[in-house]
Protein backbone atom coordinates (compact mmCIF):
# COMPACT_ATOMS: atom_id res chain seq x y z
CA MET A 1 35.22 89.91 114.25
CA LYS A 2 35.77 92.93 112.02
CA ALA A 3 37.51 96.00 113.48
CA ASN A 4 35.52 99.20 113.49
CA THR A 5 37.15 101.45 110.88
CA GLN A 6 34.58 104.24 111.14
CA PRO A 7 35.83 107.49 112.67
CA ARG A 8 34.82 107.86 116.28
CA ILE A 9 32.27 110.58 116.95
CA LYS A 10 33.56 112.91 119.61
CA SER A 11 31.77 112.66 122.91
CA ASP A 12 30.84 115.61 125.06
CA GLN A 13 33.81 114.73 127.26
CA ASP A 14 36.17 115.30 124.28
CA ARG A 15 34.67 118.76 123.91
CA ARG A 16 34.76 119.65 127.58
CA PRO A 17 35.86 123.18 128.42
CA LEU A 18 39.39 123.91 129.51
CA SER A 19 38.05 125.79 132.50
CA ARG A 20 37.51 124.63 136.04
CA GLY A 21 33.98 125.96 136.05
CA HIS A 22 34.81 129.25 137.78
CA GLY A 23 34.13 131.99 135.27
CA ASP A 24 36.53 132.24 132.38
CA LYS A 25 39.60 130.83 134.15
CA LEU A 26 41.50 128.06 132.45
CA GLY A 27 42.37 124.85 134.19
CA ARG A 28 45.76 124.27 135.77
CA LYS A 29 47.07 122.18 132.84
CA ALA A 30 45.95 124.74 130.25
CA GLU A 31 47.56 127.56 132.24
CA ALA A 32 50.77 125.53 132.48
CA ALA A 33 50.63 124.97 128.73
CA ILE A 34 50.37 128.71 128.09
CA VAL A 35 53.39 129.38 130.32
CA ALA A 36 55.27 126.60 128.52
CA LEU A 37 54.36 128.02 125.09
CA LEU A 38 55.76 131.38 126.15
CA ALA A 39 58.95 129.80 127.46
CA HIS A 40 59.70 127.27 124.71
CA ALA A 41 60.34 127.68 121.01
CA THR A 42 58.52 124.56 119.85
CA ILE A 43 55.18 122.88 120.53
CA PRO A 44 56.83 119.55 121.44
CA ASP A 45 59.07 121.26 124.00
CA ALA A 46 56.15 123.25 125.42
CA ALA A 47 53.97 120.15 125.67
CA ARG A 48 56.71 118.20 127.42
CA SER A 49 57.33 121.06 129.86
CA ALA A 50 53.61 121.43 130.65
CA GLY A 51 53.12 117.70 131.08
CA VAL A 52 50.54 117.39 128.31
CA SER A 53 50.56 115.57 125.00
CA GLU A 54 51.41 117.42 121.81
CA THR A 55 48.01 116.43 120.46
CA SER A 56 46.25 118.05 123.41
CA LEU A 57 48.28 121.19 123.01
CA TRP A 58 47.52 121.36 119.27
CA ARG A 59 43.82 120.88 120.01
CA TRP A 60 43.86 123.57 122.67
CA LEU A 61 45.49 125.97 120.22
CA GLN A 62 42.46 125.49 117.95
CA ARG A 63 40.10 126.61 120.71
CA GLU A 64 39.09 130.26 120.92
CA ASP A 65 39.15 130.38 124.74
CA PHE A 66 42.68 128.99 124.89
CA ARG A 67 43.96 131.23 122.06
CA LYS A 68 42.42 134.27 123.75
CA ALA A 69 44.18 133.48 127.05
CA TYR A 70 47.44 132.72 125.20
CA ARG A 71 47.24 136.01 123.27
CA ALA A 72 46.62 137.94 126.52
CA ALA A 73 49.65 136.26 128.11
CA GLN A 74 51.77 137.12 125.05
CA GLU A 75 50.69 140.75 125.32
CA ARG A 76 51.67 140.88 128.99
CA VAL A 77 55.10 139.45 128.17
CA PHE A 78 55.52 141.89 125.28
CA ASP A 79 54.48 144.84 127.46
CA GLY A 80 57.07 143.83 130.05
CA ALA A 81 59.79 143.56 127.41
CA LEU A 82 58.75 146.89 125.93
CA GLY A 83 59.01 148.49 129.37
CA SER A 84 62.56 147.16 129.70
CA LEU A 85 63.45 148.54 126.29
CA GLN A 86 62.00 151.92 127.16
CA GLY A 87 64.17 151.99 130.25
CA ALA A 88 67.25 151.35 128.11
CA THR A 89 66.36 154.03 125.55
CA THR A 90 67.95 156.89 127.47
CA ALA A 91 71.23 154.99 127.82
CA ALA A 92 71.17 154.12 124.11
CA VAL A 93 70.64 157.77 123.12
CA ASP A 94 73.44 158.81 125.47
CA ALA A 95 75.76 156.27 123.82
CA LEU A 96 74.84 157.54 120.35
CA GLN A 97 75.44 161.14 121.43
CA ARG A 98 78.85 160.20 122.87
CA ASN A 99 79.72 158.52 119.57
CA LEU A 100 78.93 161.70 117.65
CA SER A 101 82.19 163.18 118.95
CA CYS A 102 84.34 160.16 119.79
CA LYS A 103 87.08 160.98 117.26
CA ASN A 104 86.34 157.80 115.29
CA PRO A 105 84.84 158.96 111.97
CA SER A 106 83.17 155.60 111.27
CA ALA A 107 81.46 155.51 114.69
CA GLU A 108 80.46 159.18 114.40
CA VAL A 109 78.84 158.66 110.98
CA SER A 110 77.08 155.51 112.20
CA ALA A 111 75.73 157.30 115.27
CA ALA A 112 74.58 160.26 113.17
CA ARG A 113 72.79 157.97 110.70
CA THR A 114 71.10 156.05 113.50
CA ILE A 115 69.90 159.21 115.23
CA LEU A 116 68.60 160.69 111.97
CA ASP A 117 66.94 157.43 110.95
CA PHE A 118 65.07 157.04 114.24
CA THR A 119 64.13 160.72 114.28
CA MET A 120 62.60 160.41 110.78
CA ARG A 121 60.76 157.21 111.71
CA ALA A 122 59.34 158.83 114.84
CA ARG A 123 58.20 161.85 112.82
CA GLU A 124 56.53 159.61 110.22
CA LEU A 125 54.81 157.61 112.95
CA LEU A 126 53.50 160.75 114.64
CA ASP A 127 52.22 162.08 111.30
CA LEU A 128 50.58 158.76 110.46
CA THR A 129 48.96 158.58 113.89
CA ALA A 130 47.51 162.08 113.44
CA ARG A 131 46.15 161.16 110.00
CA VAL A 132 44.52 157.96 111.30
CA GLU A 133 42.95 159.86 114.20
CA ALA A 134 41.59 162.47 111.77
CA LEU A 135 40.14 159.75 109.52
CA GLU A 136 38.56 157.98 112.49
CA ALA A 137 37.02 161.23 113.70
CA ALA A 138 35.69 161.99 110.20
CA SER A 139 34.17 158.51 109.85
CA LYS A 140 32.22 158.94 113.12
CA ARG A 141 30.43 162.04 111.85
């Protein structure tokens, strides 16, 4: 008997949604995979941690619903990290200001450059934001 060498047509079960059938929520395995992707540097490590095959994880990453949930999770992680950085900003500025008069010329110059550099970047960003807002307002007219 000859082996079937034709590619298998995907069944509806292969295309089943990642959700449990309750709105837009992902299933437990897909949610675990998203957490694993956030925690691990590689797909194989994430798949192993989530208890799914690499192939399944790769397939899920091709799906819009999974990518959307993954992107939202990434944004939440990024927002949390950004909040931590914002909390450390005051201490960083204090350290730079202390270094402006620490009697170590190299550290003083480095602190001065850093402060000036970030001040210029902030000014450029504020100017750019104002220009974009003006362009957006003009395009709505």
